Amino acid sequence: MKVLVDDWLQAANLTTGKLFRRVNKNGKAWGEGLTEKAIWRVVREYARKAGIEKLAPHDIRRYAESRTCRIKTRPSWLRACEMVSDIGSANDAA
């Protein structure tokens, strides 16, 4: 996962700010970043395409934590999952 994130950061020439960005038709990253809600919509759409109908934001966090339980510090991508989980949980409660 880290290799993919590092490749994206290099390809998009990102050194600061949010990880997830819009990509224009020429393949260039632009804007200040996507909101947590926008990321959740994309994740939910692709989960449905994969046949996963009942995906909750907490499922993503739980899966990520199970894969990183041996790491002593929480990587930034896991913190991003937690933010998406918090947003999704608030949306589910509304």
PDB file of N, CA and C in Angstrom:
ATOM      1  N   MET A   1       0.819  -1.185   0.000  1.00  0.00           N
ATOM      2  CA  MET A   1       0.000   0.000   0.000  1.00  0.00           C
ATOM      3  C   MET A   1       0.869   1.258   0.000  1.00  0.00           C
ATOM      4  N   LYS A   2       1.907   1.256   0.830  1.00  0.00           N
ATOM      5  CA  LYS A   2       2.770   2.431   0.915  1.00  0.00           C
ATOM      6  C   LYS A   2       3.434   2.731  -0.413  1.00  0.00           C
ATOM      7  N   VAL A   3       3.827   1.708  -1.139  1.00  0.00           N
ATOM      8  CA  VAL A   3       4.467   1.913  -2.445  1.00  0.00           C
ATOM      9  C   VAL A   3       3.493   2.619  -3.391  1.00  0.00           C
ATOM     10  N   LEU A   4       2.233   2.201  -3.381  1.00  0.00           N
ATOM     11  CA  LEU A   4       1.235   2.833  -4.241  1.00  0.00           C
ATOM     12  C   LEU A   4       1.015   4.294  -3.871  1.00  0.00           C
ATOM     13  N   VAL A   5       0.939   4.564  -2.576  1.00  0.00           N
ATOM     14  CA  VAL A   5       0.763   5.949  -2.125  1.00  0.00           C
ATOM     15  C   VAL A   5       1.975   6.777  -2.515  1.00  0.00           C
ATOM     16  N   ASP A   6       3.164   6.250  -2.293  1.00  0.00           N
ATOM     17  CA  ASP A   6       4.384   6.978  -2.666  1.00  0.00           C
ATOM     18  C   ASP A   6       4.436   7.242  -4.163  1.00  0.00           C
ATOM     19  N   ASP A   7       4.037   6.258  -4.969  1.00  0.00           N
ATOM     20  CA  ASP A   7       4.011   6.446  -6.423  1.00  0.00           C
ATOM     21  C   ASP A   7       3.045   7.565  -6.806  1.00  0.00           C
ATOM     22  N   TRP A   8       1.858   7.576  -6.175  1.00  0.00           N
ATOM     23  CA  TRP A   8       0.869   8.628  -6.462  1.00  0.00           C
ATOM     24  C   TRP A   8       1.411  10.004  -6.066  1.00  0.00           C
ATOM     25  N   LEU A   9       2.022  10.114  -4.888  1.00  0.00           N
ATOM     26  CA  LEU A   9       2.566  11.395  -4.452  1.00  0.00           C
ATOM     27  C   LEU A   9       3.605  11.919  -5.431  1.00  0.00           C
ATOM     28  N   GLN A  10       4.444  11.026  -5.914  1.00  0.00           N
ATOM     29  CA  GLN A  10       5.471  11.434  -6.875  1.00  0.00           C
ATOM     30  C   GLN A  10       4.850  11.806  -8.220  1.00  0.00           C
ATOM     31  N   ALA A  11       3.947  10.985  -8.728  1.00  0.00           N
ATOM     32  CA  ALA A  11       3.326  11.246 -10.031  1.00  0.00           C
ATOM     33  C   ALA A  11       2.515  12.542 -10.015  1.00  0.00           C
ATOM     34  N   ALA A  12       1.850  12.822  -8.891  1.00  0.00           N
ATOM     35  CA  ALA A  12       1.017  14.015  -8.782  1.00  0.00           C
ATOM     36  C   ALA A  12       1.812  15.230  -8.315  1.00  0.00           C
ATOM     37  N   ASN A  13       3.088  15.024  -7.997  1.00  0.00           N
ATOM     38  CA  ASN A  13       3.956  16.085  -7.513  1.00  0.00           C
ATOM     39  C   ASN A  13       3.377  16.740  -6.251  1.00  0.00           C
ATOM     40  N   LEU A  14       2.908  15.910  -5.322  1.00  0.00           N
ATOM     41  CA  LEU A  14       2.325  16.405  -4.083  1.00  0.00           C
ATOM     42  C   LEU A  14       3.337  16.304  -2.955  1.00  0.00           C
ATOM     43  N   THR A  15       3.523  17.403  -2.259  1.00  0.00           N
ATOM     44  CA  THR A  15       4.427  17.401  -1.109  1.00  0.00           C
ATOM     45  C   THR A  15       3.711  17.845   0.161  1.00  0.00           C
ATOM     46  N   THR A  16       2.564  18.510   0.014  1.00  0.00           N
ATOM     47  CA  THR A  16       1.784  18.953   1.167  1.00  0.00           C
ATOM     48  C   THR A  16       0.297  18.824   0.847  1.00  0.00           C
ATOM     49  N   GLY A  17      -0.498  18.950   1.869  1.00  0.00           N
ATOM     50  CA  GLY A  17      -1.942  18.954   1.666  1.00  0.00           C
ATOM     51  C   GLY A  17      -2.537  17.563   1.676  1.00  0.00           C
ATOM     52  N   LYS A  18      -3.775  17.485   1.207  1.00  0.00           N
ATOM     53  CA  LYS A  18      -4.515  16.230   1.223  1.00  0.00           C
ATOM     54  C   LYS A  18      -3.995  15.261   0.171  1.00  0.00           C
ATOM     55  N   LEU A  19      -4.098  13.986   0.495  1.00  0.00           N
ATOM     56  CA  LEU A  19      -3.628  12.921  -0.388  1.00  0.00           C
ATOM     57  C   LEU A  19      -4.524  12.755  -1.603  1.00  0.00           C
ATOM     58  N   PHE A  20      -5.841  12.756  -1.376  1.00  0.00           N
ATOM     59  CA  PHE A  20      -6.776  12.521  -2.464  1.00  0.00           C
ATOM     60  C   PHE A  20      -7.136  13.829  -3.140  1.00  0.00           C
ATOM     61  N   ARG A  21      -6.959  13.874  -4.461  1.00  0.00           N
ATOM     62  CA  ARG A  21      -7.218  15.084  -5.248  1.00  0.00           C
ATOM     63  C   ARG A  21      -8.036  14.741  -6.475  1.00  0.00           C
ATOM     64  N   ARG A  22      -8.649  15.755  -7.045  1.00  0.00           N
ATOM     65  CA  ARG A  22      -9.290  15.581  -8.343  1.00  0.00           C
ATOM     66  C   ARG A  22      -8.198  15.386  -9.377  1.00  0.00           C
ATOM     67  N   VAL A  23      -8.541  14.678 -10.447  1.00  0.00           N
ATOM     68  CA  VAL A  23      -7.598  14.487 -11.548  1.00  0.00           C
ATOM     69  C   VAL A  23      -8.299  14.956 -12.809  1.00  0.00           C
ATOM     70  N   ASN A  24      -7.646  15.870 -13.550  1.00  0.00           N
ATOM     71  CA  ASN A  24      -8.287  16.378 -14.758  1.00  0.00           C
ATOM     72  C   ASN A  24      -8.143  15.385 -15.909  1.00  0.00           C
ATOM     73  N   LYS A  25      -8.741  15.709 -17.061  1.00  0.00           N
ATOM     74  CA  LYS A  25      -8.738  14.779 -18.191  1.00  0.00           C
ATOM     75  C   LYS A  25      -7.340  14.518 -18.741  1.00  0.00           C
ATOM     76  N   ASN A  26      -6.380  15.373 -18.393  1.00  0.00           N
ATOM     77  CA  ASN A  26      -4.996  15.159 -18.809  1.00  0.00           C
ATOM     78  C   ASN A  26      -4.199  14.349 -17.795  1.00  0.00           C
ATOM     79  N   GLY A  27      -4.879  13.922 -16.726  1.00  0.00           N
ATOM     80  CA  GLY A  27      -4.215  13.105 -15.720  1.00  0.00           C
ATOM     81  C   GLY A  27      -3.443  13.891 -14.672  1.00  0.00           C
ATOM     82  N   LYS A  28      -3.665  15.194 -14.590  1.00  0.00           N
ATOM     83  CA  LYS A  28      -2.966  16.036 -13.615  1.00  0.00           C
ATOM     84  C   LYS A  28      -3.829  16.251 -12.383  1.00  0.00           C
ATOM     85  N   ALA A  29      -3.219  16.125 -11.213  1.00  0.00           N
ATOM     86  CA  ALA A  29      -3.926  16.390  -9.959  1.00  0.00           C
ATOM     87  C   ALA A  29      -4.139  17.890  -9.830  1.00  0.00           C
ATOM     88  N   TRP A  30      -5.322  18.283  -9.323  1.00  0.00           N
ATOM     89  CA  TRP A  30      -5.588  19.703  -9.128  1.00  0.00           C
ATOM     90  C   TRP A  30      -6.520  19.882  -7.937  1.00  0.00           C
ATOM     91  N   GLY A  31      -6.595  21.094  -7.471  1.00  0.00           N
ATOM     92  CA  GLY A  31      -7.469  21.406  -6.340  1.00  0.00           C
ATOM     93  C   GLY A  31      -6.780  21.144  -5.016  1.00  0.00           C
ATOM     94  N   GLU A  32      -7.498  21.481  -3.969  1.00  0.00           N
ATOM     95  CA  GLU A  32      -6.957  21.347  -2.620  1.00  0.00           C
ATOM     96  C   GLU A  32      -7.192  19.973  -2.021  1.00  0.00           C
ATOM     97  N   GLY A  33      -8.021  19.178  -2.649  1.00  0.00           N
ATOM     98  CA  GLY A  33      -8.277  17.839  -2.132  1.00  0.00           C
ATOM     99  C   GLY A  33      -9.753  17.524  -2.118  1.00  0.00           C
ATOM    100  N   LEU A  34     -10.063  16.262  -1.911  1.00  0.00           N
ATOM    101  CA  LEU A  34     -11.438  15.804  -1.825  1.00  0.00           C
ATOM    102  C   LEU A  34     -11.885  15.803  -0.371  1.00  0.00           C
ATOM    103  N   THR A  35     -13.159  15.990  -0.165  1.00  0.00           N
ATOM    104  CA  THR A  35     -13.688  15.911   1.195  1.00  0.00           C
ATOM    105  C   THR A  35     -13.809  14.441   1.597  1.00  0.00           C
ATOM    106  N   GLU A  36     -13.949  14.209   2.881  1.00  0.00           N
ATOM    107  CA  GLU A  36     -14.131  12.851   3.371  1.00  0.00           C
ATOM    108  C   GLU A  36     -15.408  12.234   2.798  1.00  0.00           C
ATOM    109  N   LYS A  37     -16.451  13.068   2.642  1.00  0.00           N
ATOM    110  CA  LYS A  37     -17.705  12.573   2.069  1.00  0.00           C
ATOM    111  C   LYS A  37     -17.512  12.126   0.624  1.00  0.00           C
ATOM    112  N   ALA A  38     -16.745  12.884  -0.156  1.00  0.00           N
ATOM    113  CA  ALA A  38     -16.497  12.517  -1.552  1.00  0.00           C
ATOM    114  C   ALA A  38     -15.732  11.197  -1.637  1.00  0.00           C
ATOM    115  N   ILE A  39     -14.767  11.014  -0.765  1.00  0.00           N
ATOM    116  CA  ILE A  39     -13.998   9.767  -0.751  1.00  0.00           C
ATOM    117  C   ILE A  39     -14.916   8.601  -0.397  1.00  0.00           C
ATOM    118  N   TRP A  40     -15.779   8.790   0.600  1.00  0.00           N
ATOM    119  CA  TRP A  40     -16.689   7.725   0.990  1.00  0.00           C
ATOM    120  C   TRP A  40     -17.619   7.347  -0.160  1.00  0.00           C
ATOM    121  N   ARG A  41     -18.096   8.330  -0.916  1.00  0.00           N
ATOM    122  CA  ARG A  41     -18.971   8.029  -2.054  1.00  0.00           C
ATOM    123  C   ARG A  41     -18.259   7.155  -3.082  1.00  0.00           C
ATOM    124  N   VAL A  42     -16.998   7.447  -3.350  1.00  0.00           N
ATOM    125  CA  VAL A  42     -16.230   6.652  -4.306  1.00  0.00           C
ATOM    126  C   VAL A  42     -16.024   5.236  -3.778  1.00  0.00           C
ATOM    127  N   VAL A  43     -15.641   5.122  -2.515  1.00  0.00           N
ATOM    128  CA  VAL A  43     -15.429   3.796  -1.911  1.00  0.00           C
ATOM    129  C   VAL A  43     -16.717   2.983  -1.955  1.00  0.00           C
ATOM    130  N   ARG A  44     -17.830   3.608  -1.583  1.00  0.00           N
ATOM    131  CA  ARG A  44     -19.115   2.910  -1.565  1.00  0.00           C
ATOM    132  C   ARG A  44     -19.526   2.466  -2.975  1.00  0.00           C
ATOM    133  N   GLU A  45     -19.302   3.322  -3.968  1.00  0.00           N
ATOM    134  CA  GLU A  45     -19.635   2.967  -5.353  1.00  0.00           C
ATOM    135  C   GLU A  45     -18.851   1.743  -5.819  1.00  0.00           C
ATOM    136  N   TYR A  46     -17.543   1.729  -5.566  1.00  0.00           N
ATOM    137  CA  TYR A  46     -16.727   0.602  -6.011  1.00  0.00           C
ATOM    138  C   TYR A  46     -16.997  -0.658  -5.191  1.00  0.00           C
ATOM    139  N   ALA A  47     -17.376  -0.500  -3.934  1.00  0.00           N
ATOM    140  CA  ALA A  47     -17.764  -1.664  -3.133  1.00  0.00           C
ATOM    141  C   ALA A  47     -19.000  -2.314  -3.746  1.00  0.00           C
ATOM    142  N   ARG A  48     -19.962  -1.500  -4.138  1.00  0.00           N
ATOM    143  CA  ARG A  48     -21.176  -2.050  -4.766  1.00  0.00           C
ATOM    144  C   ARG A  48     -20.849  -2.747  -6.076  1.00  0.00           C
ATOM    145  N   LYS A  49     -19.955  -2.153  -6.865  1.00  0.00           N
ATOM    146  CA  LYS A  49     -19.546  -2.781  -8.128  1.00  0.00           C
ATOM    147  C   LYS A  49     -18.861  -4.118  -7.877  1.00  0.00           C
ATOM    148  N   ALA A  50     -18.215  -4.241  -6.726  1.00  0.00           N
ATOM    149  CA  ALA A  50     -17.537  -5.491  -6.359  1.00  0.00           C
ATOM    150  C   ALA A  50     -18.485  -6.481  -5.690  1.00  0.00           C
ATOM    151  N   GLY A  51     -19.756  -6.093  -5.586  1.00  0.00           N
ATOM    152  CA  GLY A  51     -20.738  -6.989  -4.992  1.00  0.00           C
ATOM    153  C   GLY A  51     -20.871  -6.879  -3.485  1.00  0.00           C
ATOM    154  N   ILE A  52     -20.293  -5.849  -2.915  1.00  0.00           N
ATOM    155  CA  ILE A  52     -20.383  -5.628  -1.466  1.00  0.00           C
ATOM    156  C   ILE A  52     -21.476  -4.591  -1.237  1.00  0.00           C
ATOM    157  N   GLU A  53     -22.638  -5.066  -0.851  1.00  0.00           N
ATOM    158  CA  GLU A  53     -23.787  -4.166  -0.698  1.00  0.00           C
ATOM    159  C   GLU A  53     -23.813  -3.460   0.650  1.00  0.00           C
ATOM    160  N   LYS A  54     -23.391  -4.137   1.683  1.00  0.00           N
ATOM    161  CA  LYS A  54     -23.482  -3.564   3.027  1.00  0.00           C
ATOM    162  C   LYS A  54     -22.083  -3.284   3.564  1.00  0.00           C
ATOM    163  N   LEU A  55     -21.524  -2.190   3.153  1.00  0.00           N
ATOM    164  CA  LEU A  55     -20.208  -1.773   3.629  1.00  0.00           C
ATOM    165  C   LEU A  55     -20.385  -0.543   4.504  1.00  0.00           C
ATOM    166  N   ALA A  56     -19.879  -0.612   5.688  1.00  0.00           N
ATOM    167  CA  ALA A  56     -19.921   0.533   6.600  1.00  0.00           C
ATOM    168  C   ALA A  56     -18.520   1.109   6.726  1.00  0.00           C
ATOM    169  N   PRO A  57     -18.421   2.403   6.961  1.00  0.00           N
ATOM    170  CA  PRO A  57     -17.091   3.011   7.119  1.00  0.00           C
ATOM    171  C   PRO A  57     -16.253   2.311   8.184  1.00  0.00           C
ATOM    172  N   HIS A  58     -16.903   1.848   9.244  1.00  0.00           N
ATOM    173  CA  HIS A  58     -16.156   1.180  10.313  1.00  0.00           C
ATOM    174  C   HIS A  58     -15.525  -0.124   9.823  1.00  0.00           C
ATOM    175  N   ASP A  59     -16.145  -0.787   8.837  1.00  0.00           N
ATOM    176  CA  ASP A  59     -15.574  -2.020   8.284  1.00  0.00           C
ATOM    177  C   ASP A  59     -14.199  -1.761   7.688  1.00  0.00           C
ATOM    178  N   ILE A  60     -14.057  -0.626   7.028  1.00  0.00           N
ATOM    179  CA  ILE A  60     -12.772  -0.269   6.403  1.00  0.00           C
ATOM    180  C   ILE A  60     -11.719  -0.030   7.469  1.00  0.00           C
ATOM    181  N   ARG A  61     -12.108   0.698   8.499  1.00  0.00           N
ATOM    182  CA  ARG A  61     -11.153   0.977   9.578  1.00  0.00           C
ATOM    183  C   ARG A  61     -10.752  -0.314  10.278  1.00  0.00           C
ATOM    184  N   ARG A  62     -11.731  -1.170  10.574  1.00  0.00           N
ATOM    185  CA  ARG A  62     -11.448  -2.427  11.260  1.00  0.00           C
ATOM    186  C   ARG A  62     -10.502  -3.296  10.428  1.00  0.00           C
ATOM    187  N   TYR A  63     -10.740  -3.360   9.116  1.00  0.00           N
ATOM    188  CA  TYR A  63      -9.871  -4.139   8.235  1.00  0.00           C
ATOM    189  C   TYR A  63      -8.451  -3.562   8.232  1.00  0.00           C
ATOM    190  N   ALA A  64      -8.343  -2.254   8.096  1.00  0.00           N
ATOM    191  CA  ALA A  64      -7.016  -1.620   8.074  1.00  0.00           C
ATOM    192  C   ALA A  64      -6.280  -1.848   9.385  1.00  0.00           C
ATOM    193  N   GLU A  65      -6.987  -1.738  10.488  1.00  0.00           N
ATOM    194  CA  GLU A  65      -6.349  -1.950  11.785  1.00  0.00           C
ATOM    195  C   GLU A  65      -5.889  -3.395  11.951  1.00  0.00           C
ATOM    196  N   SER A  66      -6.669  -4.334  11.416  1.00  0.00           N
ATOM    197  CA  SER A  66      -6.266  -5.736  11.538  1.00  0.00           C
ATOM    198  C   SER A  66      -5.001  -6.017  10.738  1.00  0.00           C
ATOM    199  N   ARG A  67      -4.789  -5.256   9.686  1.00  0.00           N
ATOM    200  CA  ARG A  67      -3.605  -5.452   8.852  1.00  0.00           C
ATOM    201  C   ARG A  67      -2.383  -4.706   9.373  1.00  0.00           C
ATOM    202  N   THR A  68      -2.579  -3.752  10.273  1.00  0.00           N
ATOM    203  CA  THR A  68      -1.463  -2.958  10.782  1.00  0.00           C
ATOM    204  C   THR A  68      -1.280  -3.116  12.279  1.00  0.00           C
ATOM    205  N   CYS A  69      -1.824  -4.186  12.863  1.00  0.00           N
ATOM    206  CA  CYS A  69      -1.785  -4.338  14.322  1.00  0.00           C
ATOM    207  C   CYS A  69      -0.361  -4.445  14.858  1.00  0.00           C
ATOM    208  N   ARG A  70       0.594  -4.832  14.035  1.00  0.00           N
ATOM    209  CA  ARG A  70       1.974  -4.960  14.512  1.00  0.00           C
ATOM    210  C   ARG A  70       2.742  -3.643  14.431  1.00  0.00           C
ATOM    211  N   ILE A  71       2.161  -2.636  13.794  1.00  0.00           N
ATOM    212  CA  ILE A  71       2.827  -1.335  13.661  1.00  0.00           C
ATOM    213  C   ILE A  71       2.526  -0.509  14.909  1.00  0.00           C
ATOM    214  N   LYS A  72       3.560   0.073  15.495  1.00  0.00           N
ATOM    215  CA  LYS A  72       3.365   0.806  16.741  1.00  0.00           C
ATOM    216  C   LYS A  72       2.769   2.191  16.516  1.00  0.00           C
ATOM    217  N   THR A  73       3.071   2.813  15.391  1.00  0.00           N
ATOM    218  CA  THR A  73       2.492   4.131  15.110  1.00  0.00           C
ATOM    219  C   THR A  73       1.445   3.979  14.022  1.00  0.00           C
ATOM    220  N   ARG A  74       0.448   4.834  14.044  1.00  0.00           N
ATOM    221  CA  ARG A  74      -0.647   4.760  13.081  1.00  0.00           C
ATOM    222  C   ARG A  74      -0.242   5.522  11.820  1.00  0.00           C
ATOM    223  N   PRO A  75      -0.172   4.828  10.677  1.00  0.00           N
ATOM    224  CA  PRO A  75       0.195   5.513   9.447  1.00  0.00           C
ATOM    225  C   PRO A  75      -0.875   6.520   9.039  1.00  0.00           C
ATOM    226  N   SER A  76      -0.467   7.523   8.264  1.00  0.00           N
ATOM    227  CA  SER A  76      -1.403   8.583   7.881  1.00  0.00           C
ATOM    228  C   SER A  76      -2.570   8.043   7.075  1.00  0.00           C
ATOM    229  N   TRP A  77      -2.371   6.994   6.257  1.00  0.00           N
ATOM    230  CA  TRP A  77      -3.497   6.478   5.478  1.00  0.00           C
ATOM    231  C   TRP A  77      -4.536   5.835   6.383  1.00  0.00           C
ATOM    232  N   LEU A  78      -4.109   5.301   7.547  1.00  0.00           N
ATOM    233  CA  LEU A  78      -5.070   4.733   8.481  1.00  0.00           C
ATOM    234  C   LEU A  78      -5.854   5.847   9.163  1.00  0.00           C
ATOM    235  N   ARG A  79      -5.187   6.960   9.459  1.00  0.00           N
ATOM    236  CA  ARG A  79      -5.902   8.106  10.023  1.00  0.00           C
ATOM    237  C   ARG A  79      -6.935   8.617   9.025  1.00  0.00           C
ATOM    238  N   ALA A  80      -6.622   8.578   7.724  1.00  0.00           N
ATOM    239  CA  ALA A  80      -7.587   8.990   6.699  1.00  0.00           C
ATOM    240  C   ALA A  80      -8.794   8.060   6.711  1.00  0.00           C
ATOM    241  N   CYS A  81      -8.570   6.758   6.870  1.00  0.00           N
ATOM    242  CA  CYS A  81      -9.683   5.804   6.972  1.00  0.00           C
ATOM    243  C   CYS A  81     -10.554   6.132   8.165  1.00  0.00           C
ATOM    244  N   GLU A  82      -9.925   6.525   9.262  1.00  0.00           N
ATOM    245  CA  GLU A  82     -10.692   6.856  10.459  1.00  0.00           C
ATOM    246  C   GLU A  82     -11.560   8.080  10.222  1.00  0.00           C
ATOM    247  N   MET A  83     -11.031   9.082   9.500  1.00  0.00           N
ATOM    248  CA  MET A  83     -11.828  10.262   9.211  1.00  0.00           C
ATOM    249  C   MET A  83     -13.023   9.901   8.339  1.00  0.00           C
ATOM    250  N   VAL A  84     -12.812   9.057   7.341  1.00  0.00           N
ATOM    251  CA  VAL A  84     -13.915   8.623   6.485  1.00  0.00           C
ATOM    252  C   VAL A  84     -14.927   7.857   7.317  1.00  0.00           C
ATOM    253  N   SER A  85     -14.451   7.034   8.219  1.00  0.00           N
ATOM    254  CA  SER A  85     -15.345   6.269   9.083  1.00  0.00           C
ATOM    255  C   SER A  85     -16.188   7.195   9.941  1.00  0.00           C
ATOM    256  N   ASP A  86     -15.577   8.234  10.484  1.00  0.00           N
ATOM    257  CA  ASP A  86     -16.312   9.181  11.322  1.00  0.00           C
ATOM    258  C   ASP A  86     -17.376   9.908  10.511  1.00  0.00           C
ATOM    259  N   ILE A  87     -17.045  10.336   9.304  1.00  0.00           N
ATOM    260  CA  ILE A  87     -18.006  11.030   8.441  1.00  0.00           C
ATOM    261  C   ILE A  87     -19.142  10.092   8.060  1.00  0.00           C
ATOM    262  N   GLY A  88     -18.797   8.868   7.639  1.00  0.00           N
ATOM    263  CA  GLY A  88     -19.811   7.911   7.237  1.00  0.00           C
ATOM    264  C   GLY A  88     -20.741   7.556   8.383  1.00  0.00           C
ATOM    265  N   SER A  89     -20.198   7.424   9.581  1.00  0.00           N
ATOM    266  CA  SER A  89     -21.016   7.101  10.748  1.00  0.00           C
ATOM    267  C   SER A  89     -21.990   8.233  11.044  1.00  0.00           C
ATOM    268  N   ALA A  90     -21.534   9.467  10.880  1.00  0.00           N
ATOM    269  CA  ALA A  90     -22.416  10.624  11.106  1.00  0.00           C
ATOM    270  C   ALA A  90     -23.522  10.633  10.060  1.00  0.00           C
ATOM    271  N   ASN A  91     -23.194  10.283   8.824  1.00  0.00           N
ATOM    272  CA  ASN A  91     -24.211  10.232   7.762  1.00  0.00           C
ATOM    273  C   ASN A  91     -25.212   9.131   8.017  1.00  0.00           C
ATOM    274  N   ASP A  92     -24.757   7.971   8.518  1.00  0.00           N
ATOM    275  CA  ASP A  92     -25.647   6.849   8.795  1.00  0.00           C
ATOM    276  C   ASP A  92     -26.636   7.193   9.908  1.00  0.00           C
ATOM    277  N   ALA A  93     -26.178   7.996  10.867  1.00  0.00           N
ATOM    278  CA  ALA A  93     -27.031   8.348  12.004  1.00  0.00           C
ATOM    279  C   ALA A  93     -28.085   9.377  11.615  1.00  0.00           C
ATOM    280  N   ALA A  94     -27.824  10.135  10.563  1.00  0.00           N
ATOM    281  CA  ALA A  94     -28.758  11.210  10.151  1.00  0.00           C
ATOM    282  C   ALA A  94     -29.962  10.673   9.426  1.00  0.00           C
TER     283      ALA A  94
END
